[in-house]
Amino acid sequence: MDTDGYAWDVQVSGNYAYIADGGNGLVIVDITDPTNPELVADMLWFTLFGLHYME
C-alpha cells in the first residue's frame, strides 16, 4: 500500500499495521488479507517518525 508520506517505522499487532508516516502522521492499515491491505485510519494532525509497541 502506498501512503502519502514516507514510512519511517512500522509495527504490526494482530491484523493491523501501524505506520509512522512522517508528516502524514499515523496510518493504520488492516492487513487481514496481505494481498489486499485496506486503509483503516489516517491521522494527519501530527508528525510521527517512530513507534514503540508495548504489550
C-alpha atoms as a PDB file:
ATOM      1  CA  MET A   1       0.000   0.000   0.000  1.00  0.00           C
ATOM      2  CA  ASP A   2       1.361   3.408  -0.933  1.00  0.00           C
ATOM      3  CA  THR A   3       0.944   6.092   1.722  1.00  0.00           C
ATOM      4  CA  ASP A   4       1.043   9.860   1.230  1.00  0.00           C
ATOM      5  CA  GLY A   5       4.185  10.185   3.346  1.00  0.00           C
ATOM      6  CA  TYR A   6       7.386   8.251   3.970  1.00  0.00           C
ATOM      7  CA  ALA A   7       7.109   5.162   6.184  1.00  0.00           C
ATOM      8  CA  TRP A   8       9.690   5.772   8.952  1.00  0.00           C
ATOM      9  CA  ASP A   9       8.600   2.854  11.120  1.00  0.00           C
ATOM     10  CA  VAL A  10       6.044   0.021  11.062  1.00  0.00           C
ATOM     11  CA  GLN A  11       4.668  -2.079  13.914  1.00  0.00           C
ATOM     12  CA  VAL A  12       2.252  -4.973  13.425  1.00  0.00           C
ATOM     13  CA  SER A  13      -0.270  -6.106  16.010  1.00  0.00           C
ATOM     14  CA  GLY A  14      -2.753  -8.781  15.020  1.00  0.00           C
ATOM     15  CA  ASN A  15      -4.325  -7.849  11.703  1.00  0.00           C
ATOM     16  CA  TYR A  16      -3.212  -4.213  11.798  1.00  0.00           C
ATOM     17  CA  ALA A  17      -0.083  -2.420  10.658  1.00  0.00           C
ATOM     18  CA  TYR A  18       0.660   0.900  12.370  1.00  0.00           C
ATOM     19  CA  ILE A  19       2.813   3.093  10.143  1.00  0.00           C
ATOM     20  CA  ALA A  20       4.759   6.150  11.361  1.00  0.00           C
ATOM     21  CA  ASP A  21       4.393   8.088   8.115  1.00  0.00           C
ATOM     22  CA  GLY A  22       6.402  11.233   8.901  1.00  0.00           C
ATOM     23  CA  GLY A  23       4.474  14.380   8.004  1.00  0.00           C
ATOM     24  CA  ASN A  24       1.434  12.256   7.193  1.00  0.00           C
ATOM     25  CA  GLY A  25       1.150  11.189  10.852  1.00  0.00           C
ATOM     26  CA  LEU A  26      -0.097   7.744  11.845  1.00  0.00           C
ATOM     27  CA  VAL A  27      -1.539   5.434   9.201  1.00  0.00           C
ATOM     28  CA  ILE A  28      -3.395   2.292  10.301  1.00  0.00           C
ATOM     29  CA  VAL A  29      -3.858  -0.491   7.760  1.00  0.00           C
ATOM     30  CA  ASP A  30      -5.906  -3.682   8.025  1.00  0.00           C
ATOM     31  CA  ILE A  31      -3.649  -6.475   6.781  1.00  0.00           C
ATOM     32  CA  THR A  32      -6.070  -9.359   7.322  1.00  0.00           C
ATOM     33  CA  ASP A  33      -5.609 -10.105   3.609  1.00  0.00           C
ATOM     34  CA  PRO A  34      -1.962  -9.176   2.936  1.00  0.00           C
ATOM     35  CA  THR A  35      -2.606  -9.173  -0.814  1.00  0.00           C
ATOM     36  CA  ASN A  36      -5.294  -6.508  -0.373  1.00  0.00           C
ATOM     37  CA  PRO A  37      -4.415  -4.159   2.550  1.00  0.00           C
ATOM     38  CA  GLU A  38      -7.139  -1.668   3.480  1.00  0.00           C
ATOM     39  CA  LEU A  39      -6.717   1.784   4.994  1.00  0.00           C
ATOM     40  CA  VAL A  40      -8.437   1.995   8.393  1.00  0.00           C
ATOM     41  CA  ALA A  41      -7.329   5.449   9.572  1.00  0.00           C
ATOM     42  CA  ASP A  42      -5.061   8.281   8.502  1.00  0.00           C
ATOM     43  CA  MET A  43      -4.301  10.664  11.385  1.00  0.00           C
ATOM     44  CA  LEU A  44      -2.859  13.794   9.830  1.00  0.00           C
ATOM     45  CA  TRP A  45      -2.840  16.012  12.925  1.00  0.00           C
ATOM     46  CA  PHE A  46       0.767  15.301  13.954  1.00  0.00           C
ATOM     47  CA  THR A  47       4.174  14.298  12.581  1.00  0.00           C
ATOM     48  CA  LEU A  48       5.340  10.807  13.531  1.00  0.00           C
ATOM     49  CA  PHE A  49       8.743   9.258  12.869  1.00  0.00           C
ATOM     50  CA  GLY A  50       8.779   6.240  15.198  1.00  0.00           C
ATOM     51  CA  LEU A  51       6.582   3.797  17.063  1.00  0.00           C
ATOM     52  CA  HIS A  52       7.037   1.708  20.194  1.00  0.00           C
ATOM     53  CA  TYR A  53       4.670  -1.184  20.801  1.00  0.00           C
ATOM     54  CA  MET A  54       4.148  -2.444  24.344  1.00  0.00           C
ATOM     55  CA  GLU A  55       2.054  -5.488  25.065  1.00  0.00           C
END
